[in-house]
Amino acid sequence: MHSSLPDFEMPTEEQVHLAAESFRLLSDPTRIKILWALLQGESSVACLAELADAAPTAVSQHLAKLRLAGLVKGRREGTFVYYRAADEHVRRLLTQGLYHADHIDRGDVSAAPDRVDGTGPVRGAS
């Protein structure tokens, strides 16, 4: 069936692995809060800890993982490091994830089908 689609191409194993790793890192609520704050502008660990309602040490550990995955970048100024979202891709990824979550929360079934493949009965229908 898919062979009949002219422009259909599966992603490479490396692309799938890297995307899965990014999604795995975004599965933590504290990381989502940190990234959202960084999308508003550059920030320090202390400020991010306050915004995310988390301990500074925990925020530092989250930032280290996000930086290794290429989702955030740091800039050293003296003894402080200021972080920012890596690029516009991070903004779009997080914005779309939150947009989707908002539609699920409001019961917009067109954004949240019952089955993974997008088919099946409408949520709540019998």
PDB file of N, CA and C in Angstrom:
ATOM      1  N   MET A   1       0.810  -1.183   0.000  1.00  0.00           N
ATOM      2  CA  MET A   1       0.000   0.000   0.000  1.00  0.00           C
ATOM      3  C   MET A   1       0.867   1.266   0.000  1.00  0.00           C
ATOM      4  N   HIS A   2       1.823   1.340   0.875  1.00  0.00           N
ATOM      5  CA  HIS A   2       2.653   2.542   0.961  1.00  0.00           C
ATOM      6  C   HIS A   2       3.538   2.726  -0.267  1.00  0.00           C
ATOM      7  N   SER A   3       3.848   1.644  -0.931  1.00  0.00           N
ATOM      8  CA  SER A   3       4.691   1.747  -2.127  1.00  0.00           C
ATOM      9  C   SER A   3       3.988   2.496  -3.254  1.00  0.00           C
ATOM     10  N   SER A   4       2.668   2.582  -3.175  1.00  0.00           N
ATOM     11  CA  SER A   4       1.930   3.315  -4.206  1.00  0.00           C
ATOM     12  C   SER A   4       1.924   4.829  -3.952  1.00  0.00           C
ATOM     13  N   LEU A   5       2.377   5.260  -2.787  1.00  0.00           N
ATOM     14  CA  LEU A   5       2.448   6.693  -2.485  1.00  0.00           C
ATOM     15  C   LEU A   5       3.750   7.246  -3.048  1.00  0.00           C
ATOM     16  N   PRO A   6       3.682   8.237  -3.932  1.00  0.00           N
ATOM     17  CA  PRO A   6       4.867   8.695  -4.668  1.00  0.00           C
ATOM     18  C   PRO A   6       5.979   9.272  -3.788  1.00  0.00           C
ATOM     19  N   ASP A   7       5.649   9.991  -2.722  1.00  0.00           N
ATOM     20  CA  ASP A   7       6.683  10.651  -1.919  1.00  0.00           C
ATOM     21  C   ASP A   7       6.850  10.031  -0.538  1.00  0.00           C
ATOM     22  N   PHE A   8       6.327   8.828  -0.345  1.00  0.00           N
ATOM     23  CA  PHE A   8       6.406   8.192   0.965  1.00  0.00           C
ATOM     24  C   PHE A   8       7.815   7.666   1.209  1.00  0.00           C
ATOM     25  N   GLU A   9       8.365   8.052   2.340  1.00  0.00           N
ATOM     26  CA  GLU A   9       9.692   7.566   2.727  1.00  0.00           C
ATOM     27  C   GLU A   9       9.746   7.480   4.246  1.00  0.00           C
ATOM     28  N   MET A  10      10.122   6.337   4.753  1.00  0.00           N
ATOM     29  CA  MET A  10      10.260   6.158   6.201  1.00  0.00           C
ATOM     30  C   MET A  10      11.503   6.894   6.681  1.00  0.00           C
ATOM     31  N   PRO A  11      11.467   7.402   7.919  1.00  0.00           N
ATOM     32  CA  PRO A  11      12.676   8.036   8.465  1.00  0.00           C
ATOM     33  C   PRO A  11      13.758   6.989   8.708  1.00  0.00           C
ATOM     34  N   THR A  12      15.010   7.439   8.755  1.00  0.00           N
ATOM     35  CA  THR A  12      16.109   6.514   9.015  1.00  0.00           C
ATOM     36  C   THR A  12      16.078   6.074  10.471  1.00  0.00           C
ATOM     37  N   GLU A  13      16.774   5.005  10.777  1.00  0.00           N
ATOM     38  CA  GLU A  13      16.857   4.532  12.160  1.00  0.00           C
ATOM     39  C   GLU A  13      17.440   5.610  13.073  1.00  0.00           C
ATOM     40  N   GLU A  14      18.444   6.329  12.595  1.00  0.00           N
ATOM     41  CA  GLU A  14      19.063   7.397  13.384  1.00  0.00           C
ATOM     42  C   GLU A  14      18.059   8.515  13.671  1.00  0.00           C
ATOM     43  N   GLN A  15      17.281   8.906  12.670  1.00  0.00           N
ATOM     44  CA  GLN A  15      16.262   9.942  12.871  1.00  0.00           C
ATOM     45  C   GLN A  15      15.220   9.493  13.892  1.00  0.00           C
ATOM     46  N   VAL A  16      14.794   8.251  13.786  1.00  0.00           N
ATOM     47  CA  VAL A  16      13.804   7.712  14.717  1.00  0.00           C
ATOM     48  C   VAL A  16      14.374   7.697  16.132  1.00  0.00           C
ATOM     49  N   HIS A  17      15.613   7.250  16.273  1.00  0.00           N
ATOM     50  CA  HIS A  17      16.253   7.189  17.583  1.00  0.00           C
ATOM     51  C   HIS A  17      16.373   8.584  18.210  1.00  0.00           C
ATOM     52  N   LEU A  18      16.844   9.556  17.430  1.00  0.00           N
ATOM     53  CA  LEU A  18      17.023  10.912  17.950  1.00  0.00           C
ATOM     54  C   LEU A  18      15.690  11.563  18.306  1.00  0.00           C
ATOM     55  N   ALA A  19      14.672  11.348  17.500  1.00  0.00           N
ATOM     56  CA  ALA A  19      13.345  11.892  17.797  1.00  0.00           C
ATOM     57  C   ALA A  19      12.788  11.266  19.076  1.00  0.00           C
ATOM     58  N   ALA A  20      12.939   9.957  19.202  1.00  0.00           N
ATOM     59  CA  ALA A  20      12.450   9.264  20.398  1.00  0.00           C
ATOM     60  C   ALA A  20      13.159   9.776  21.646  1.00  0.00           C
ATOM     61  N   GLU A  21      14.451  10.016  21.538  1.00  0.00           N
ATOM     62  CA  GLU A  21      15.217  10.535  22.675  1.00  0.00           C
ATOM     63  C   GLU A  21      14.725  11.943  23.053  1.00  0.00           C
ATOM     64  N   SER A  22      14.461  12.772  22.068  1.00  0.00           N
ATOM     65  CA  SER A  22      13.941  14.112  22.355  1.00  0.00           C
ATOM     66  C   SER A  22      12.581  14.024  23.039  1.00  0.00           C
ATOM     67  N   PHE A  23      11.710  13.165  22.527  1.00  0.00           N
ATOM     68  CA  PHE A  23      10.390  13.001  23.151  1.00  0.00           C
ATOM     69  C   PHE A  23      10.524  12.438  24.568  1.00  0.00           C
ATOM     70  N   ARG A  24      11.462  11.531  24.766  1.00  0.00           N
ATOM     71  CA  ARG A  24      11.676  10.968  26.111  1.00  0.00           C
ATOM     72  C   ARG A  24      12.070  12.075  27.080  1.00  0.00           C
ATOM     73  N   LEU A  25      12.959  12.958  26.643  1.00  0.00           N
ATOM     74  CA  LEU A  25      13.387  14.052  27.511  1.00  0.00           C
ATOM     75  C   LEU A  25      12.250  15.032  27.795  1.00  0.00           C
ATOM     76  N   LEU A  26      11.335  15.161  26.865  1.00  0.00           N
ATOM     77  CA  LEU A  26      10.205  16.069  27.048  1.00  0.00           C
ATOM     78  C   LEU A  26       9.063  15.433  27.841  1.00  0.00           C
ATOM     79  N   SER A  27       9.233  14.182  28.265  1.00  0.00           N
ATOM     80  CA  SER A  27       8.167  13.507  29.004  1.00  0.00           C
ATOM     81  C   SER A  27       8.142  13.882  30.480  1.00  0.00           C
ATOM     82  N   ASP A  28       9.048  14.742  30.913  1.00  0.00           N
ATOM     83  CA  ASP A  28       9.108  15.160  32.312  1.00  0.00           C
ATOM     84  C   ASP A  28       8.471  16.541  32.470  1.00  0.00           C
ATOM     85  N   PRO A  29       7.482  16.696  33.350  1.00  0.00           N
ATOM     86  CA  PRO A  29       6.816  17.987  33.524  1.00  0.00           C
ATOM     87  C   PRO A  29       7.756  19.129  33.907  1.00  0.00           C
ATOM     88  N   THR A  30       8.756  18.844  34.731  1.00  0.00           N
ATOM     89  CA  THR A  30       9.698  19.904  35.114  1.00  0.00           C
ATOM     90  C   THR A  30      10.495  20.374  33.906  1.00  0.00           C
ATOM     91  N   ARG A  31      10.885  19.460  33.042  1.00  0.00           N
ATOM     92  CA  ARG A  31      11.630  19.851  31.837  1.00  0.00           C
ATOM     93  C   ARG A  31      10.762  20.694  30.904  1.00  0.00           C
ATOM     94  N   ILE A  32       9.490  20.362  30.824  1.00  0.00           N
ATOM     95  CA  ILE A  32       8.591  21.161  29.987  1.00  0.00           C
ATOM     96  C   ILE A  32       8.493  22.576  30.547  1.00  0.00           C
ATOM     97  N   LYS A  33       8.375  22.703  31.857  1.00  0.00           N
ATOM     98  CA  LYS A  33       8.320  24.035  32.483  1.00  0.00           C
ATOM     99  C   LYS A  33       9.608  24.807  32.214  1.00  0.00           C
ATOM    100  N   ILE A  34      10.739  24.141  32.361  1.00  0.00           N
ATOM    101  CA  ILE A  34      12.040  24.781  32.129  1.00  0.00           C
ATOM    102  C   ILE A  34      12.132  25.258  30.681  1.00  0.00           C
ATOM    103  N   LEU A  35      11.810  24.387  29.750  1.00  0.00           N
ATOM    104  CA  LEU A  35      11.879  24.764  28.335  1.00  0.00           C
ATOM    105  C   LEU A  35      10.918  25.900  28.002  1.00  0.00           C
ATOM    106  N   TRP A  36       9.727  25.863  28.560  1.00  0.00           N
ATOM    107  CA  TRP A  36       8.765  26.934  28.286  1.00  0.00           C
ATOM    108  C   TRP A  36       9.323  28.268  28.781  1.00  0.00           C
ATOM    109  N   ALA A  37       9.903  28.261  29.967  1.00  0.00           N
ATOM    110  CA  ALA A  37      10.504  29.485  30.499  1.00  0.00           C
ATOM    111  C   ALA A  37      11.644  29.957  29.596  1.00  0.00           C
ATOM    112  N   LEU A  38      12.443  29.034  29.097  1.00  0.00           N
ATOM    113  CA  LEU A  38      13.567  29.406  28.232  1.00  0.00           C
ATOM    114  C   LEU A  38      13.099  29.911  26.870  1.00  0.00           C
ATOM    115  N   LEU A  39      11.933  29.508  26.450  1.00  0.00           N
ATOM    116  CA  LEU A  39      11.392  30.026  25.190  1.00  0.00           C
ATOM    117  C   LEU A  39      11.008  31.499  25.320  1.00  0.00           C
ATOM    118  N   GLN A  40      10.817  31.952  26.558  1.00  0.00           N
ATOM    119  CA  GLN A  40      10.486  33.357  26.787  1.00  0.00           C
ATOM    120  C   GLN A  40      11.741  34.217  26.853  1.00  0.00           C
ATOM    121  N   GLY A  41      12.905  33.576  26.995  1.00  0.00           N
ATOM    122  CA  GLY A  41      14.163  34.303  27.031  1.00  0.00           C
ATOM    123  C   GLY A  41      15.193  33.593  27.885  1.00  0.00           C
ATOM    124  N   GLU A  42      16.402  34.096  27.815  1.00  0.00           N
ATOM    125  CA  GLU A  42      17.537  33.532  28.543  1.00  0.00           C
ATOM    126  C   GLU A  42      17.288  33.613  30.050  1.00  0.00           C
ATOM    127  N   SER A  43      17.789  32.602  30.781  1.00  0.00           N
ATOM    128  CA  SER A  43      17.550  32.567  32.224  1.00  0.00           C
ATOM    129  C   SER A  43      18.646  31.801  32.949  1.00  0.00           C
ATOM    130  N   SER A  44      18.760  32.064  34.236  1.00  0.00           N
ATOM    131  CA  SER A  44      19.725  31.372  35.096  1.00  0.00           C
ATOM    132  C   SER A  44      19.053  30.177  35.769  1.00  0.00           C
ATOM    133  N   VAL A  45      19.854  29.321  36.361  1.00  0.00           N
ATOM    134  CA  VAL A  45      19.336  28.149  37.068  1.00  0.00           C
ATOM    135  C   VAL A  45      18.424  28.587  38.211  1.00  0.00           C
ATOM    136  N   ALA A  46      18.840  29.600  38.963  1.00  0.00           N
ATOM    137  CA  ALA A  46      18.042  30.051  40.110  1.00  0.00           C
ATOM    138  C   ALA A  46      16.666  30.536  39.667  1.00  0.00           C
ATOM    139  N   CYS A  47      16.624  31.309  38.622  1.00  0.00           N
ATOM    140  CA  CYS A  47      15.346  31.822  38.104  1.00  0.00           C
ATOM    141  C   CYS A  47      14.487  30.675  37.591  1.00  0.00           C
ATOM    142  N   LEU A  48      15.091  29.753  36.857  1.00  0.00           N
ATOM    143  CA  LEU A  48      14.354  28.608  36.335  1.00  0.00           C
ATOM    144  C   LEU A  48      13.814  27.733  37.463  1.00  0.00           C
ATOM    145  N   ALA A  49      14.599  27.572  38.516  1.00  0.00           N
ATOM    146  CA  ALA A  49      14.165  26.769  39.656  1.00  0.00           C
ATOM    147  C   ALA A  49      12.913  27.379  40.286  1.00  0.00           C
ATOM    148  N   GLU A  50      12.899  28.692  40.402  1.00  0.00           N
ATOM    149  CA  GLU A  50      11.732  29.376  40.963  1.00  0.00           C
ATOM    150  C   GLU A  50      10.511  29.203  40.055  1.00  0.00           C
ATOM    151  N   LEU A  51      10.710  29.405  38.755  1.00  0.00           N
ATOM    152  CA  LEU A  51       9.603  29.292  37.804  1.00  0.00           C
ATOM    153  C   LEU A  51       9.048  27.871  37.728  1.00  0.00           C
ATOM    154  N   ALA A  52       9.927  26.882  37.814  1.00  0.00           N
ATOM    155  CA  ALA A  52       9.512  25.479  37.694  1.00  0.00           C
ATOM    156  C   ALA A  52       9.124  24.871  39.039  1.00  0.00           C
ATOM    157  N   ASP A  53       9.272  25.658  40.109  1.00  0.00           N
ATOM    158  CA  ASP A  53       8.987  25.173  41.468  1.00  0.00           C
ATOM    159  C   ASP A  53       9.774  23.894  41.760  1.00  0.00           C
ATOM    160  N   ALA A  54      11.086  23.993  41.503  1.00  0.00           N
ATOM    161  CA  ALA A  54      11.979  22.844  41.692  1.00  0.00           C
ATOM    162  C   ALA A  54      13.275  23.323  42.349  1.00  0.00           C
ATOM    163  N   ALA A  55      13.997  22.400  42.933  1.00  0.00           N
ATOM    164  CA  ALA A  55      15.280  22.732  43.557  1.00  0.00           C
ATOM    165  C   ALA A  55      16.303  23.079  42.480  1.00  0.00           C
ATOM    166  N   PRO A  56      17.175  24.054  42.741  1.00  0.00           N
ATOM    167  CA  PRO A  56      18.199  24.423  41.761  1.00  0.00           C
ATOM    168  C   PRO A  56      19.062  23.245  41.312  1.00  0.00           C
ATOM    169  N   THR A  57      19.380  22.324  42.226  1.00  0.00           N
ATOM    170  CA  THR A  57      20.196  21.163  41.835  1.00  0.00           C
ATOM    171  C   THR A  57      19.446  20.280  40.845  1.00  0.00           C
ATOM    172  N   ALA A  58      18.144  20.111  41.050  1.00  0.00           N
ATOM    173  CA  ALA A  58      17.338  19.310  40.125  1.00  0.00           C
ATOM    174  C   ALA A  58      17.263  19.999  38.758  1.00  0.00           C
ATOM    175  N   VAL A  59      17.092  21.323  38.770  1.00  0.00           N
ATOM    176  CA  VAL A  59      17.031  22.082  37.519  1.00  0.00           C
ATOM    177  C   VAL A  59      18.356  21.955  36.774  1.00  0.00           C
ATOM    178  N   SER A  60      19.466  22.030  37.489  1.00  0.00           N
ATOM    179  CA  SER A  60      20.784  21.870  36.856  1.00  0.00           C
ATOM    180  C   SER A  60      20.915  20.517  36.181  1.00  0.00           C
ATOM    181  N   GLN A  61      20.429  19.473  36.845  1.00  0.00           N
ATOM    182  CA  GLN A  61      20.496  18.134  36.255  1.00  0.00           C
ATOM    183  C   GLN A  61      19.617  18.035  35.008  1.00  0.00           C
ATOM    184  N   HIS A  62      18.433  18.623  35.066  1.00  0.00           N
ATOM    185  CA  HIS A  62      17.556  18.633  33.895  1.00  0.00           C
ATOM    186  C   HIS A  62      18.207  19.398  32.745  1.00  0.00           C
ATOM    187  N   LEU A  63      18.791  20.540  33.047  1.00  0.00           N
ATOM    188  CA  LEU A  63      19.436  21.352  32.012  1.00  0.00           C
ATOM    189  C   LEU A  63      20.606  20.616  31.367  1.00  0.00           C
ATOM    190  N   ALA A  64      21.356  19.876  32.164  1.00  0.00           N
ATOM    191  CA  ALA A  64      22.484  19.107  31.619  1.00  0.00           C
ATOM    192  C   ALA A  64      21.987  18.096  30.587  1.00  0.00           C
ATOM    193  N   LYS A  65      20.897  17.412  30.903  1.00  0.00           N
ATOM    194  CA  LYS A  65      20.338  16.432  29.964  1.00  0.00           C
ATOM    195  C   LYS A  65      19.791  17.114  28.718  1.00  0.00           C
ATOM    196  N   LEU A  66      19.077  18.225  28.913  1.00  0.00           N
ATOM    197  CA  LEU A  66      18.514  18.962  27.778  1.00  0.00           C
ATOM    198  C   LEU A  66      19.612  19.524  26.882  1.00  0.00           C
ATOM    199  N   ARG A  67      20.716  19.950  27.496  1.00  0.00           N
ATOM    200  CA  ARG A  67      21.840  20.483  26.716  1.00  0.00           C
ATOM    201  C   ARG A  67      22.510  19.380  25.913  1.00  0.00           C
ATOM    202  N   LEU A  68      22.719  18.224  26.514  1.00  0.00           N
ATOM    203  CA  LEU A  68      23.328  17.093  25.801  1.00  0.00           C
ATOM    204  C   LEU A  68      22.468  16.659  24.621  1.00  0.00           C
ATOM    205  N   ALA A  69      21.162  16.810  24.738  1.00  0.00           N
ATOM    206  CA  ALA A  69      20.252  16.435  23.650  1.00  0.00           C
ATOM    207  C   ALA A  69      20.124  17.547  22.612  1.00  0.00           C
ATOM    208  N   GLY A  70      20.766  18.681  22.853  1.00  0.00           N
ATOM    209  CA  GLY A  70      20.720  19.781  21.905  1.00  0.00           C
ATOM    210  C   GLY A  70      19.455  20.615  21.975  1.00  0.00           C
ATOM    211  N   LEU A  71      18.694  20.485  23.065  1.00  0.00           N
ATOM    212  CA  LEU A  71      17.452  21.242  23.202  1.00  0.00           C
ATOM    213  C   LEU A  71      17.660  22.610  23.843  1.00  0.00           C
ATOM    214  N   VAL A  72      18.734  22.760  24.623  1.00  0.00           N
ATOM    215  CA  VAL A  72      19.079  24.057  25.217  1.00  0.00           C
ATOM    216  C   VAL A  72      20.556  24.342  25.011  1.00  0.00           C
ATOM    217  N   LYS A  73      20.898  25.625  25.106  1.00  0.00           N
ATOM    218  CA  LYS A  73      22.291  26.062  25.018  1.00  0.00           C
ATOM    219  C   LYS A  73      22.591  26.951  26.213  1.00  0.00           C
ATOM    220  N   GLY A  74      23.852  26.931  26.630  1.00  0.00           N
ATOM    221  CA  GLY A  74      24.266  27.743  27.765  1.00  0.00           C
ATOM    222  C   GLY A  74      25.316  28.768  27.370  1.00  0.00           C
ATOM    223  N   ARG A  75      25.312  29.876  28.110  1.00  0.00           N
ATOM    224  CA  ARG A  75      26.292  30.937  27.900  1.00  0.00           C
ATOM    225  C   ARG A  75      26.852  31.311  29.263  1.00  0.00           C
ATOM    226  N   ARG A  76      28.191  31.181  29.398  1.00  0.00           N
ATOM    227  CA  ARG A  76      28.831  31.479  30.675  1.00  0.00           C
ATOM    228  C   ARG A  76      29.158  32.969  30.758  1.00  0.00           C
ATOM    229  N   GLU A  77      28.829  33.531  31.925  1.00  0.00           N
ATOM    230  CA  GLU A  77      29.170  34.923  32.216  1.00  0.00           C
ATOM    231  C   GLU A  77      29.714  34.962  33.639  1.00  0.00           C
ATOM    232  N   GLY A  78      31.035  34.965  33.740  1.00  0.00           N
ATOM    233  CA  GLY A  78      31.661  34.878  35.067  1.00  0.00           C
ATOM    234  C   GLY A  78      31.405  33.517  35.660  1.00  0.00           C
ATOM    235  N   THR A  79      30.810  33.505  36.851  1.00  0.00           N
ATOM    236  CA  THR A  79      30.509  32.233  37.514  1.00  0.00           C
ATOM    237  C   THR A  79      29.094  31.741  37.205  1.00  0.00           C
ATOM    238  N   PHE A  80      28.342  32.517  36.447  1.00  0.00           N
ATOM    239  CA  PHE A  80      26.970  32.148  36.123  1.00  0.00           C
ATOM    240  C   PHE A  80      26.872  31.584  34.709  1.00  0.00           C
ATOM    241  N   VAL A  81      25.892  30.689  34.534  1.00  0.00           N
ATOM    242  CA  VAL A  81      25.563  30.185  33.206  1.00  0.00           C
ATOM    243  C   VAL A  81      24.113  30.566  32.942  1.00  0.00           C
ATOM    244  N   TYR A  82      23.892  31.161  31.784  1.00  0.00           N
ATOM    245  CA  TYR A  82      22.549  31.540  31.363  1.00  0.00           C
ATOM    246  C   TYR A  82      22.142  30.618  30.215  1.00  0.00           C
ATOM    247  N   TYR A  83      20.942  30.097  30.326  1.00  0.00           N
ATOM    248  CA  TYR A  83      20.453  29.118  29.366  1.00  0.00           C
ATOM    249  C   TYR A  83      19.382  29.716  28.469  1.00  0.00           C
ATOM    250  N   ARG A  84      19.240  29.122  27.285  1.00  0.00           N
ATOM    251  CA  ARG A  84      18.187  29.504  26.333  1.00  0.00           C
ATOM    252  C   ARG A  84      17.818  28.271  25.529  1.00  0.00           C
ATOM    253  N   ALA A  85      16.638  28.306  24.938  1.00  0.00           N
ATOM    254  CA  ALA A  85      16.220  27.220  24.052  1.00  0.00           C
ATOM    255  C   ALA A  85      17.154  27.200  22.847  1.00  0.00           C
ATOM    256  N   ALA A  86      17.457  26.034  22.347  1.00  0.00           N
ATOM    257  CA  ALA A  86      18.462  25.891  21.296  1.00  0.00           C
ATOM    258  C   ALA A  86      18.071  26.567  19.986  1.00  0.00           C
ATOM    259  N   ASP A  87      16.808  26.438  19.569  1.00  0.00           N
ATOM    260  CA  ASP A  87      16.422  26.997  18.276  1.00  0.00           C
ATOM    261  C   ASP A  87      14.910  27.009  18.126  1.00  0.00           C
ATOM    262  N   GLU A  88      14.473  27.437  16.969  1.00  0.00           N
ATOM    263  CA  GLU A  88      13.042  27.542  16.675  1.00  0.00           C
ATOM    264  C   GLU A  88      12.361  26.175  16.640  1.00  0.00           C
ATOM    265  N   HIS A  89      13.120  25.119  16.332  1.00  0.00           N
ATOM    266  CA  HIS A  89      12.536  23.771  16.323  1.00  0.00           C
ATOM    267  C   HIS A  89      12.016  23.411  17.710  1.00  0.00           C
ATOM    268  N   VAL A  90      12.773  23.765  18.737  1.00  0.00           N
ATOM    269  CA  VAL A  90      12.363  23.474  20.114  1.00  0.00           C
ATOM    270  C   VAL A  90      11.065  24.218  20.423  1.00  0.00           C
ATOM    271  N   ARG A  91      10.980  25.474  19.996  1.00  0.00           N
ATOM    272  CA  ARG A  91       9.754  26.264  20.209  1.00  0.00           C
ATOM    273  C   ARG A  91       8.551  25.579  19.548  1.00  0.00           C
ATOM    274  N   ARG A  92       8.705  25.164  18.310  1.00  0.00           N
ATOM    275  CA  ARG A  92       7.590  24.539  17.597  1.00  0.00           C
ATOM    276  C   ARG A  92       7.200  23.204  18.234  1.00  0.00           C
ATOM    277  N   LEU A  93       8.188  22.420  18.611  1.00  0.00           N
ATOM    278  CA  LEU A  93       7.932  21.119  19.223  1.00  0.00           C
ATOM    279  C   LEU A  93       7.146  21.273  20.521  1.00  0.00           C
ATOM    280  N   LEU A  94       7.601  22.160  21.380  1.00  0.00           N
ATOM    281  CA  LEU A  94       6.945  22.348  22.671  1.00  0.00           C
ATOM    282  C   LEU A  94       5.578  23.016  22.503  1.00  0.00           C
ATOM    283  N   THR A  95       5.497  23.998  21.638  1.00  0.00           N
ATOM    284  CA  THR A  95       4.220  24.673  21.402  1.00  0.00           C
ATOM    285  C   THR A  95       3.182  23.697  20.880  1.00  0.00           C
ATOM    286  N   GLN A  96       3.558  22.848  19.929  1.00  0.00           N
ATOM    287  CA  GLN A  96       2.620  21.865  19.391  1.00  0.00           C
ATOM    288  C   GLN A  96       2.204  20.845  20.451  1.00  0.00           C
ATOM    289  N   GLY A  97       3.159  20.417  21.289  1.00  0.00           N
ATOM    290  CA  GLY A  97       2.829  19.473  22.357  1.00  0.00           C
ATOM    291  C   GLY A  97       1.834  20.070  23.348  1.00  0.00           C
ATOM    292  N   LEU A  98       2.050  21.328  23.726  1.00  0.00           N
ATOM    293  CA  LEU A  98       1.139  21.988  24.658  1.00  0.00           C
ATOM    294  C   LEU A  98      -0.211  22.276  23.997  1.00  0.00           C
ATOM    295  N   TYR A  99      -0.198  22.621  22.734  1.00  0.00           N
ATOM    296  CA  TYR A  99      -1.436  22.858  21.983  1.00  0.00           C
ATOM    297  C   TYR A  99      -2.263  21.581  21.940  1.00  0.00           C
ATOM    298  N   HIS A 100      -1.597  20.479  21.660  1.00  0.00           N
ATOM    299  CA  HIS A 100      -2.279  19.185  21.613  1.00  0.00           C
ATOM    300  C   HIS A 100      -2.850  18.834  22.993  1.00  0.00           C
ATOM    301  N   ALA A 101      -2.063  19.041  24.038  1.00  0.00           N
ATOM    302  CA  ALA A 101      -2.519  18.754  25.400  1.00  0.00           C
ATOM    303  C   ALA A 101      -3.729  19.608  25.761  1.00  0.00           C
ATOM    304  N   ASP A 102      -3.728  20.861  25.341  1.00  0.00           N
ATOM    305  CA  ASP A 102      -4.850  21.753  25.612  1.00  0.00           C
ATOM    306  C   ASP A 102      -6.116  21.248  24.940  1.00  0.00           C
ATOM    307  N   HIS A 103      -5.993  20.740  23.713  1.00  0.00           N
ATOM    308  CA  HIS A 103      -7.160  20.215  23.013  1.00  0.00           C
ATOM    309  C   HIS A 103      -7.678  18.939  23.678  1.00  0.00           C
ATOM    310  N   ILE A 104      -6.796  18.104  24.153  1.00  0.00           N
ATOM    311  CA  ILE A 104      -7.214  16.897  24.866  1.00  0.00           C
ATOM    312  C   ILE A 104      -7.931  17.290  26.150  1.00  0.00           C
ATOM    313  N   ASP A 105      -7.359  18.260  26.865  1.00  0.00           N
ATOM    314  CA  ASP A 105      -7.920  18.715  28.137  1.00  0.00           C
ATOM    315  C   ASP A 105      -9.321  19.284  27.954  1.00  0.00           C
ATOM    316  N   ARG A 106      -9.550  19.953  26.832  1.00  0.00           N
ATOM    317  CA  ARG A 106     -10.859  20.562  26.573  1.00  0.00           C
ATOM    318  C   ARG A 106     -11.823  19.597  25.891  1.00  0.00           C
ATOM    319  N   GLY A 107     -11.377  18.367  25.664  1.00  0.00           N
ATOM    320  CA  GLY A 107     -12.252  17.367  25.073  1.00  0.00           C
ATOM    321  C   GLY A 107     -12.431  17.487  23.576  1.00  0.00           C
ATOM    322  N   ASP A 108     -11.490  18.130  22.900  1.00  0.00           N
ATOM    323  CA  ASP A 108     -11.545  18.248  21.439  1.00  0.00           C
ATOM    324  C   ASP A 108     -11.122  16.914  20.852  1.00  0.00           C
ATOM    325  N   VAL A 109     -12.094  16.071  20.551  1.00  0.00           N
ATOM    326  CA  VAL A 109     -11.795  14.709  20.107  1.00  0.00           C
ATOM    327  C   VAL A 109     -11.092  14.674  18.762  1.00  0.00           C
ATOM    328  N   SER A 110     -11.189  15.740  17.971  1.00  0.00           N
ATOM    329  CA  SER A 110     -10.479  15.731  16.686  1.00  0.00           C
ATOM    330  C   SER A 110      -8.974  15.777  16.906  1.00  0.00           C
ATOM    331  N   ALA A 111      -8.537  16.285  18.066  1.00  0.00           N
ATOM    332  CA  ALA A 111      -7.106  16.334  18.376  1.00  0.00           C
ATOM    333  C   ALA A 111      -6.668  15.103  19.153  1.00  0.00           C
ATOM    334  N   ALA A 112      -7.624  14.300  19.618  1.00  0.00           N
ATOM    335  CA  ALA A 112      -7.279  13.159  20.463  1.00  0.00           C
ATOM    336  C   ALA A 112      -8.132  11.937  20.135  1.00  0.00           C
ATOM    337  N   PRO A 113      -7.829  11.249  19.043  1.00  0.00           N
ATOM    338  CA  PRO A 113      -8.586  10.046  18.717  1.00  0.00           C
ATOM    339  C   PRO A 113      -8.356   8.962  19.765  1.00  0.00           C
ATOM    340  N   ASP A 114      -9.319   8.054  19.880  1.00  0.00           N
ATOM    341  CA  ASP A 114      -9.211   6.981  20.862  1.00  0.00           C
ATOM    342  C   ASP A 114      -8.076   6.015  20.573  1.00  0.00           C
ATOM    343  N   ARG A 115      -7.804   5.786  19.298  1.00  0.00           N
ATOM    344  CA  ARG A 115      -6.777   4.817  18.931  1.00  0.00           C
ATOM    345  C   ARG A 115      -5.565   5.543  18.382  1.00  0.00           C
ATOM    346  N   VAL A 116      -4.421   4.928  18.558  1.00  0.00           N
ATOM    347  CA  VAL A 116      -3.160   5.498  18.111  1.00  0.00           C
ATOM    348  C   VAL A 116      -3.167   5.780  16.613  1.00  0.00           C
ATOM    349  N   ASP A 117      -3.817   4.930  15.834  1.00  0.00           N
ATOM    350  CA  ASP A 117      -3.813   5.109  14.391  1.00  0.00           C
ATOM    351  C   ASP A 117      -4.816   6.153  13.912  1.00  0.00           C
ATOM    352  N   GLY A 118      -5.521   6.803  14.871  1.00  0.00           N
ATOM    353  CA  GLY A 118      -6.444   7.872  14.516  1.00  0.00           C
ATOM    354  C   GLY A 118      -7.817   7.409  14.098  1.00  0.00           C
ATOM    355  N   THR A 119      -8.069   6.108  14.199  1.00  0.00           N
ATOM    356  CA  THR A 119      -9.380   5.582  13.839  1.00  0.00           C
ATOM    357  C   THR A 119     -10.099   5.163  15.100  1.00  0.00           C
ATOM    358  N   GLY A 120     -11.300   4.701  14.952  1.00  0.00           N
ATOM    359  CA  GLY A 120     -12.042   4.195  16.105  1.00  0.00           C
ATOM    360  C   GLY A 120     -13.122   5.161  16.527  1.00  0.00           C
ATOM    361  N   PRO A 121     -13.912   4.742  17.481  1.00  0.00           N
ATOM    362  CA  PRO A 121     -15.040   5.564  17.902  1.00  0.00           C
ATOM    363  C   PRO A 121     -14.581   6.849  18.584  1.00  0.00           C
ATOM    364  N   VAL A 122     -15.436   7.838  18.540  1.00  0.00           N
ATOM    365  CA  VAL A 122     -15.169   9.092  19.227  1.00  0.00           C
ATOM    366  C   VAL A 122     -15.174   8.827  20.718  1.00  0.00           C
ATOM    367  N   ARG A 123     -14.258   9.458  21.426  1.00  0.00           N
ATOM    368  CA  ARG A 123     -14.156   9.293  22.878  1.00  0.00           C
ATOM    369  C   ARG A 123     -15.515   9.543  23.527  1.00  0.00           C
ATOM    370  N   GLY A 124     -15.908   8.620  24.407  1.00  0.00           N
ATOM    371  CA  GLY A 124     -17.163   8.771  25.125  1.00  0.00           C
ATOM    372  C   GLY A 124     -18.363   8.188  24.382  1.00  0.00           C
ATOM    373  N   ALA A 125     -18.196   7.837  23.129  1.00  0.00           N
ATOM    374  CA  ALA A 125     -19.314   7.259  22.369  1.00  0.00           C
ATOM    375  C   ALA A 125     -19.366   5.763  22.621  1.00  0.00           C
ATOM    376  N   SER A 126     -20.542   5.196  22.544  1.00  0.00           N
ATOM    377  CA  SER A 126     -20.634   3.748  22.751  1.00  0.00           C
ATOM    378  C   SER A 126     -20.960   3.017  21.492  1.00  0.00           C
TER     379      SER A 126
END
